[in-house]
Amino acid sequence: MKVKNVKDVDKLFKVIDECRGRVELVTAEGDRLNLKSKLTQYVALANVFADKTIGEMELIAHEPEDVQKLVMFMYDGEA
């Protein structure tokens, strides 16, 4: 799924932390980074999200209930 215009990156990471299964960020090169990892959240993504806004990114959630959580985040006015 594509996630666009996220203004509250901290809330996005909180939603991802609440997911039961694996949630991955797909990079422009096609690599998949595990967003459940704090190391990935704070180190690998620090440069991309330095301004605290995400223009667009692709996420893969492996559990249907996690997909629902992410969709609800996007429609909650925080994305």
PDB file of N, CA and C in Angstrom:
ATOM      1  N   MET A   1       0.828  -1.168   0.000  1.00  0.00           N
ATOM      2  CA  MET A   1       0.000   0.000   0.000  1.00  0.00           C
ATOM      3  C   MET A   1       0.874   1.234   0.000  1.00  0.00           C
ATOM      4  N   LYS A   2       0.404   2.273  -0.663  1.00  0.00           N
ATOM      5  CA  LYS A   2       1.117   3.559  -0.674  1.00  0.00           C
ATOM      6  C   LYS A   2       0.586   4.414   0.464  1.00  0.00           C
ATOM      7  N   VAL A   3       1.499   5.021   1.193  1.00  0.00           N
ATOM      8  CA  VAL A   3       1.160   5.953   2.261  1.00  0.00           C
ATOM      9  C   VAL A   3       1.700   7.306   1.840  1.00  0.00           C
ATOM     10  N   LYS A   4       0.840   8.335   1.887  1.00  0.00           N
ATOM     11  CA  LYS A   4       1.239   9.657   1.403  1.00  0.00           C
ATOM     12  C   LYS A   4       0.959  10.736   2.438  1.00  0.00           C
ATOM     13  N   ASN A   5       1.782  11.765   2.412  1.00  0.00           N
ATOM     14  CA  ASN A   5       1.589  12.980   3.199  1.00  0.00           C
ATOM     15  C   ASN A   5       1.401  12.724   4.690  1.00  0.00           C
ATOM     16  N   VAL A   6       2.245  11.898   5.262  1.00  0.00           N
ATOM     17  CA  VAL A   6       2.187  11.630   6.695  1.00  0.00           C
ATOM     18  C   VAL A   6       2.876  12.780   7.427  1.00  0.00           C
ATOM     19  N   LYS A   7       2.119  13.438   8.292  1.00  0.00           N
ATOM     20  CA  LYS A   7       2.662  14.573   9.037  1.00  0.00           C
ATOM     21  C   LYS A   7       3.134  14.162  10.426  1.00  0.00           C
ATOM     22  N   ASP A   8       2.582  13.082  10.956  1.00  0.00           N
ATOM     23  CA  ASP A   8       2.937  12.627  12.304  1.00  0.00           C
ATOM     24  C   ASP A   8       3.661  11.279  12.203  1.00  0.00           C
ATOM     25  N   VAL A   9       4.962  11.352  11.954  1.00  0.00           N
ATOM     26  CA  VAL A   9       5.772  10.139  11.778  1.00  0.00           C
ATOM     27  C   VAL A   9       5.796   9.315  13.056  1.00  0.00           C
ATOM     28  N   ASP A  10       5.839   9.987  14.209  1.00  0.00           N
ATOM     29  CA  ASP A  10       5.855   9.263  15.482  1.00  0.00           C
ATOM     30  C   ASP A  10       4.598   8.423  15.648  1.00  0.00           C
ATOM     31  N   LYS A  11       3.444   8.977  15.266  1.00  0.00           N
ATOM     32  CA  LYS A  11       2.194   8.213  15.372  1.00  0.00           C
ATOM     33  C   LYS A  11       2.205   7.036  14.403  1.00  0.00           C
ATOM     34  N   LEU A  12       2.751   7.235  13.203  1.00  0.00           N
ATOM     35  CA  LEU A  12       2.854   6.124  12.248  1.00  0.00           C
ATOM     36  C   LEU A  12       3.676   4.996  12.850  1.00  0.00           C
ATOM     37  N   PHE A  13       4.820   5.328  13.453  1.00  0.00           N
ATOM     38  CA  PHE A  13       5.654   4.293  14.061  1.00  0.00           C
ATOM     39  C   PHE A  13       4.938   3.627  15.230  1.00  0.00           C
ATOM     40  N   LYS A  14       4.125   4.376  15.957  1.00  0.00           N
ATOM     41  CA  LYS A  14       3.354   3.784  17.055  1.00  0.00           C
ATOM     42  C   LYS A  14       2.348   2.771  16.512  1.00  0.00           C
ATOM     43  N   VAL A  15       1.675   3.120  15.421  1.00  0.00           N
ATOM     44  CA  VAL A  15       0.728   2.189  14.788  1.00  0.00           C
ATOM     45  C   VAL A  15       1.473   0.948  14.304  1.00  0.00           C
ATOM     46  N   ILE A  16       2.625   1.136  13.696  1.00  0.00           N
ATOM     47  CA  ILE A  16       3.420   0.000  13.218  1.00  0.00           C
ATOM     48  C   ILE A  16       3.849  -0.878  14.389  1.00  0.00           C
ATOM     49  N   ASP A  17       4.251  -0.268  15.503  1.00  0.00           N
ATOM     50  CA  ASP A  17       4.642  -1.044  16.680  1.00  0.00           C
ATOM     51  C   ASP A  17       3.486  -1.884  17.216  1.00  0.00           C
ATOM     52  N   GLU A  18       2.251  -1.407  17.037  1.00  0.00           N
ATOM     53  CA  GLU A  18       1.075  -2.131  17.510  1.00  0.00           C
ATOM     54  C   GLU A  18       0.657  -3.269  16.583  1.00  0.00           C
ATOM     55  N   CYS A  19       1.227  -3.317  15.402  1.00  0.00           N
ATOM     56  CA  CYS A  19       0.886  -4.382  14.457  1.00  0.00           C
ATOM     57  C   CYS A  19       1.429  -5.722  14.950  1.00  0.00           C
ATOM     58  N   ARG A  20       0.669  -6.779  14.706  1.00  0.00           N
ATOM     59  CA  ARG A  20       1.083  -8.118  15.141  1.00  0.00           C
ATOM     60  C   ARG A  20       2.158  -8.716  14.253  1.00  0.00           C
ATOM     61  N   GLY A  21       2.004  -8.520  12.957  1.00  0.00           N
ATOM     62  CA  GLY A  21       2.930  -9.135  12.006  1.00  0.00           C
ATOM     63  C   GLY A  21       3.985  -8.177  11.518  1.00  0.00           C
ATOM     64  N   ARG A  22       4.693  -8.625  10.529  1.00  0.00           N
ATOM     65  CA  ARG A  22       5.782  -7.853   9.931  1.00  0.00           C
ATOM     66  C   ARG A  22       5.217  -6.724   9.074  1.00  0.00           C
ATOM     67  N   VAL A  23       5.821  -5.550   9.188  1.00  0.00           N
ATOM     68  CA  VAL A  23       5.488  -4.407   8.346  1.00  0.00           C
ATOM     69  C   VAL A  23       6.793  -3.944   7.723  1.00  0.00           C
ATOM     70  N   GLU A  24       6.792  -3.849   6.398  1.00  0.00           N
ATOM     71  CA  GLU A  24       8.025  -3.532   5.689  1.00  0.00           C
ATOM     72  C   GLU A  24       7.869  -2.271   4.849  1.00  0.00           C
ATOM     73  N   LEU A  25       8.958  -1.526   4.772  1.00  0.00           N
ATOM     74  CA  LEU A  25       9.068  -0.382   3.877  1.00  0.00           C
ATOM     75  C   LEU A  25       9.777  -0.863   2.620  1.00  0.00           C
ATOM     76  N   VAL A  26       9.201  -0.576   1.461  1.00  0.00           N
ATOM     77  CA  VAL A  26       9.836  -0.936   0.194  1.00  0.00           C
ATOM     78  C   VAL A  26      10.586   0.290  -0.306  1.00  0.00           C
ATOM     79  N   THR A  27      11.902   0.159  -0.457  1.00  0.00           N
ATOM     80  CA  THR A  27      12.718   1.274  -0.923  1.00  0.00           C
ATOM     81  C   THR A  27      12.590   1.432  -2.436  1.00  0.00           C
ATOM     82  N   ALA A  28      13.101   2.536  -2.953  1.00  0.00           N
ATOM     83  CA  ALA A  28      13.075   2.788  -4.394  1.00  0.00           C
ATOM     84  C   ALA A  28      13.822   1.698  -5.167  1.00  0.00           C
ATOM     85  N   GLU A  29      14.808   1.076  -4.505  1.00  0.00           N
ATOM     86  CA  GLU A  29      15.587   0.014  -5.142  1.00  0.00           C
ATOM     87  C   GLU A  29      14.905  -1.350  -5.034  1.00  0.00           C
ATOM     88  N   GLY A  30      13.774  -1.416  -4.322  1.00  0.00           N
ATOM     89  CA  GLY A  30      13.054  -2.673  -4.168  1.00  0.00           C
ATOM     90  C   GLY A  30      13.419  -3.448  -2.914  1.00  0.00           C
ATOM     91  N   ASP A  31      14.320  -2.905  -2.104  1.00  0.00           N
ATOM     92  CA  ASP A  31      14.673  -3.560  -0.847  1.00  0.00           C
ATOM     93  C   ASP A  31      13.507  -3.425   0.133  1.00  0.00           C
ATOM     94  N   ARG A  32      13.384  -4.392   1.028  1.00  0.00           N
ATOM     95  CA  ARG A  32      12.350  -4.351   2.059  1.00  0.00           C
ATOM     96  C   ARG A  32      13.004  -4.213   3.423  1.00  0.00           C
ATOM     97  N   LEU A  33      12.620  -3.154   4.141  1.00  0.00           N
ATOM     98  CA  LEU A  33      13.172  -2.889   5.467  1.00  0.00           C
ATOM     99  C   LEU A  33      12.100  -3.155   6.515  1.00  0.00           C
ATOM    100  N   ASN A  34      12.446  -3.895   7.547  1.00  0.00           N
ATOM    101  CA  ASN A  34      11.521  -4.242   8.607  1.00  0.00           C
ATOM    102  C   ASN A  34      11.266  -3.029   9.506  1.00  0.00           C
ATOM    103  N   LEU A  35      10.070  -2.458   9.421  1.00  0.00           N
ATOM    104  CA  LEU A  35       9.748  -1.277  10.215  1.00  0.00           C
ATOM    105  C   LEU A  35       9.384  -1.598  11.657  1.00  0.00           C
ATOM    106  N   LYS A  36       9.307  -2.862  12.015  1.00  0.00           N
ATOM    107  CA  LYS A  36       9.080  -3.232  13.409  1.00  0.00           C
ATOM    108  C   LYS A  36      10.381  -3.087  14.198  1.00  0.00           C
ATOM    109  N   SER A  37      11.483  -2.965  13.516  1.00  0.00           N
ATOM    110  CA  SER A  37      12.787  -2.810  14.141  1.00  0.00           C
ATOM    111  C   SER A  37      13.015  -1.346  14.514  1.00  0.00           C
ATOM    112  N   LYS A  38      13.295  -1.092  15.767  1.00  0.00           N
ATOM    113  CA  LYS A  38      13.594   0.274  16.207  1.00  0.00           C
ATOM    114  C   LYS A  38      14.844   0.797  15.517  1.00  0.00           C
ATOM    115  N   LEU A  39      15.804  -0.076  15.290  1.00  0.00           N
ATOM    116  CA  LEU A  39      17.018   0.337  14.604  1.00  0.00           C
ATOM    117  C   LEU A  39      16.685   0.877  13.219  1.00  0.00           C
ATOM    118  N   THR A  40      15.829   0.174  12.494  1.00  0.00           N
ATOM    119  CA  THR A  40      15.418   0.642  11.173  1.00  0.00           C
ATOM    120  C   THR A  40      14.666   1.952  11.284  1.00  0.00           C
ATOM    121  N   GLN A  41      13.768   2.046  12.251  1.00  0.00           N
ATOM    122  CA  GLN A  41      12.974   3.258  12.406  1.00  0.00           C
ATOM    123  C   GLN A  41      13.853   4.473  12.672  1.00  0.00           C
ATOM    124  N   TYR A  42      14.814   4.346  13.552  1.00  0.00           N
ATOM    125  CA  TYR A  42      15.588   5.511  13.984  1.00  0.00           C
ATOM    126  C   TYR A  42      16.863   5.770  13.192  1.00  0.00           C
ATOM    127  N   VAL A  43      17.419   4.750  12.590  1.00  0.00           N
ATOM    128  CA  VAL A  43      18.668   4.950  11.860  1.00  0.00           C
ATOM    129  C   VAL A  43      18.432   5.018  10.356  1.00  0.00           C
ATOM    130  N   ALA A  44      17.885   3.961   9.777  1.00  0.00           N
ATOM    131  CA  ALA A  44      17.725   3.901   8.323  1.00  0.00           C
ATOM    132  C   ALA A  44      16.755   4.944   7.803  1.00  0.00           C
ATOM    133  N   LEU A  45      15.738   5.310   8.573  1.00  0.00           N
ATOM    134  CA  LEU A  45      14.746   6.257   8.099  1.00  0.00           C
ATOM    135  C   LEU A  45      15.000   7.684   8.564  1.00  0.00           C
ATOM    136  N   ALA A  46      15.964   7.892   9.419  1.00  0.00           N
ATOM    137  CA  ALA A  46      16.231   9.227   9.968  1.00  0.00           C
ATOM    138  C   ALA A  46      16.510  10.245   8.868  1.00  0.00           C
ATOM    139  N   ASN A  47      17.278   9.880   7.885  1.00  0.00           N
ATOM    140  CA  ASN A  47      17.615  10.808   6.808  1.00  0.00           C
ATOM    141  C   ASN A  47      16.413  11.124   5.918  1.00  0.00           C
ATOM    142  N   VAL A  48      15.607  10.115   5.667  1.00  0.00           N
ATOM    143  CA  VAL A  48      14.459  10.296   4.781  1.00  0.00           C
ATOM    144  C   VAL A  48      13.421  11.204   5.423  1.00  0.00           C
ATOM    145  N   PHE A  49      13.228  11.042   6.734  1.00  0.00           N
ATOM    146  CA  PHE A  49      12.149  11.761   7.408  1.00  0.00           C
ATOM    147  C   PHE A  49      12.661  12.878   8.309  1.00  0.00           C
ATOM    148  N   ALA A  50      13.792  13.451   7.987  1.00  0.00           N
ATOM    149  CA  ALA A  50      14.389  14.475   8.843  1.00  0.00           C
ATOM    150  C   ALA A  50      13.461  15.665   9.068  1.00  0.00           C
ATOM    151  N   ASP A  51      12.603  15.962   8.100  1.00  0.00           N
ATOM    152  CA  ASP A  51      11.702  17.096   8.267  1.00  0.00           C
ATOM    153  C   ASP A  51      10.380  16.712   8.919  1.00  0.00           C
ATOM    154  N   LYS A  52      10.264  15.480   9.392  1.00  0.00           N
ATOM    155  CA  LYS A  52       9.075  14.978  10.092  1.00  0.00           C
ATOM    156  C   LYS A  52       7.846  14.872   9.201  1.00  0.00           C
ATOM    157  N   THR A  53       8.042  14.819   7.887  1.00  0.00           N
ATOM    158  CA  THR A  53       6.928  14.627   6.964  1.00  0.00           C
ATOM    159  C   THR A  53       7.330  13.575   5.938  1.00  0.00           C
ATOM    160  N   ILE A  54       6.408  12.668   5.662  1.00  0.00           N
ATOM    161  CA  ILE A  54       6.651  11.647   4.648  1.00  0.00           C
ATOM    162  C   ILE A  54       5.808  12.008   3.437  1.00  0.00           C
ATOM    163  N   GLY A  55       6.466  12.259   2.323  1.00  0.00           N
ATOM    164  CA  GLY A  55       5.735  12.573   1.099  1.00  0.00           C
ATOM    165  C   GLY A  55       4.988  11.359   0.577  1.00  0.00           C
ATOM    166  N   GLU A  56       5.718  10.272   0.365  1.00  0.00           N
ATOM    167  CA  GLU A  56       5.109   9.025  -0.111  1.00  0.00           C
ATOM    168  C   GLU A  56       6.044   7.876   0.195  1.00  0.00           C
ATOM    169  N   MET A  57       5.461   6.743   0.579  1.00  0.00           N
ATOM    170  CA  MET A  57       6.239   5.530   0.768  1.00  0.00           C
ATOM    171  C   MET A  57       5.339   4.329   0.576  1.00  0.00           C
ATOM    172  N   GLU A  58       5.945   3.194   0.260  1.00  0.00           N
ATOM    173  CA  GLU A  58       5.190   1.960   0.082  1.00  0.00           C
ATOM    174  C   GLU A  58       5.445   1.047   1.261  1.00  0.00           C
ATOM    175  N   LEU A  59       4.347   0.558   1.859  1.00  0.00           N
ATOM    176  CA  LEU A  59       4.432  -0.370   2.978  1.00  0.00           C
ATOM    177  C   LEU A  59       3.803  -1.692   2.593  1.00  0.00           C
ATOM    178  N   ILE A  60       4.336  -2.766   3.163  1.00  0.00           N
ATOM    179  CA  ILE A  60       3.740  -4.087   3.033  1.00  0.00           C
ATOM    180  C   ILE A  60       3.478  -4.605   4.432  1.00  0.00           C
ATOM    181  N   ALA A  61       2.211  -4.875   4.726  1.00  0.00           N
ATOM    182  CA  ALA A  61       1.839  -5.491   5.998  1.00  0.00           C
ATOM    183  C   ALA A  61       1.385  -6.914   5.685  1.00  0.00           C
ATOM    184  N   HIS A  62       1.860  -7.865   6.470  1.00  0.00           N
ATOM    185  CA  HIS A  62       1.603  -9.267   6.167  1.00  0.00           C
ATOM    186  C   HIS A  62       0.348  -9.824   6.825  1.00  0.00           C
ATOM    187  N   GLU A  63      -0.211  -9.129   7.806  1.00  0.00           N
ATOM    188  CA  GLU A  63      -1.427  -9.584   8.479  1.00  0.00           C
ATOM    189  C   GLU A  63      -2.588  -8.676   8.074  1.00  0.00           C
ATOM    190  N   PRO A  64      -3.742  -9.258   7.712  1.00  0.00           N
ATOM    191  CA  PRO A  64      -4.901  -8.436   7.313  1.00  0.00           C
ATOM    192  C   PRO A  64      -5.306  -7.404   8.375  1.00  0.00           C
ATOM    193  N   GLU A  65      -5.236  -7.769   9.635  1.00  0.00           N
ATOM    194  CA  GLU A  65      -5.609  -6.813  10.693  1.00  0.00           C
ATOM    195  C   GLU A  65      -4.617  -5.654  10.758  1.00  0.00           C
ATOM    196  N   ASP A  66      -3.369  -5.898  10.394  1.00  0.00           N
ATOM    197  CA  ASP A  66      -2.372  -4.828  10.371  1.00  0.00           C
ATOM    198  C   ASP A  66      -2.633  -3.877   9.204  1.00  0.00           C
ATOM    199  N   VAL A  67      -3.045  -4.430   8.075  1.00  0.00           N
ATOM    200  CA  VAL A  67      -3.414  -3.595   6.930  1.00  0.00           C
ATOM    201  C   VAL A  67      -4.549  -2.662   7.350  1.00  0.00           C
ATOM    202  N   GLN A  68      -5.531  -3.220   8.066  1.00  0.00           N
ATOM    203  CA  GLN A  68      -6.662  -2.416   8.533  1.00  0.00           C
ATOM    204  C   GLN A  68      -6.198  -1.290   9.460  1.00  0.00           C
ATOM    205  N   LYS A  69      -5.262  -1.581  10.363  1.00  0.00           N
ATOM    206  CA  LYS A  69      -4.738  -0.542  11.262  1.00  0.00           C
ATOM    207  C   LYS A  69      -4.080   0.581  10.480  1.00  0.00           C
ATOM    208  N   LEU A  70      -3.308   0.226   9.478  1.00  0.00           N
ATOM    209  CA  LEU A  70      -2.614   1.235   8.677  1.00  0.00           C
ATOM    210  C   LEU A  70      -3.591   2.057   7.844  1.00  0.00           C
ATOM    211  N   VAL A  71      -4.625   1.406   7.308  1.00  0.00           N
ATOM    212  CA  VAL A  71      -5.648   2.128   6.553  1.00  0.00           C
ATOM    213  C   VAL A  71      -6.383   3.095   7.471  1.00  0.00           C
ATOM    214  N   MET A  72      -6.717   2.655   8.681  1.00  0.00           N
ATOM    215  CA  MET A  72      -7.390   3.528   9.637  1.00  0.00           C
ATOM    216  C   MET A  72      -6.496   4.720   9.994  1.00  0.00           C
ATOM    217  N   PHE A  73      -5.202   4.493  10.117  1.00  0.00           N
ATOM    218  CA  PHE A  73      -4.269   5.595  10.377  1.00  0.00           C
ATOM    219  C   PHE A  73      -4.330   6.624   9.250  1.00  0.00           C
ATOM    220  N   MET A  74      -4.364   6.152   8.014  1.00  0.00           N
ATOM    221  CA  MET A  74      -4.384   7.066   6.875  1.00  0.00           C
ATOM    222  C   MET A  74      -5.669   7.887   6.833  1.00  0.00           C
ATOM    223  N   TYR A  75      -6.792   7.290   7.225  1.00  0.00           N
ATOM    224  CA  TYR A  75      -8.079   7.993   7.190  1.00  0.00           C
ATOM    225  C   TYR A  75      -8.375   8.776   8.462  1.00  0.00           C
ATOM    226  N   ASP A  76      -7.509   8.664   9.440  1.00  0.00           N
ATOM    227  CA  ASP A  76      -7.741   9.292  10.742  1.00  0.00           C
ATOM    228  C   ASP A  76      -7.369  10.769  10.762  1.00  0.00           C
ATOM    229  N   GLY A  77      -6.953  11.290   9.623  1.00  0.00           N
ATOM    230  CA  GLY A  77      -6.567  12.684   9.590  1.00  0.00           C
ATOM    231  C   GLY A  77      -5.127  12.926   9.988  1.00  0.00           C
ATOM    232  N   GLU A  78      -4.387  11.886  10.288  1.00  0.00           N
ATOM    233  CA  GLU A  78      -2.983  12.008  10.672  1.00  0.00           C
ATOM    234  C   GLU A  78      -2.072  11.757   9.484  1.00  0.00           C
ATOM    235  N   ALA A  79      -2.635  11.333   8.399  1.00  0.00           N
ATOM    236  CA  ALA A  79      -1.815  11.038   7.222  1.00  0.00           C
ATOM    237  C   ALA A  79      -2.116  12.045   6.133  1.00  0.00           C
TER     238      ALA A  79
END
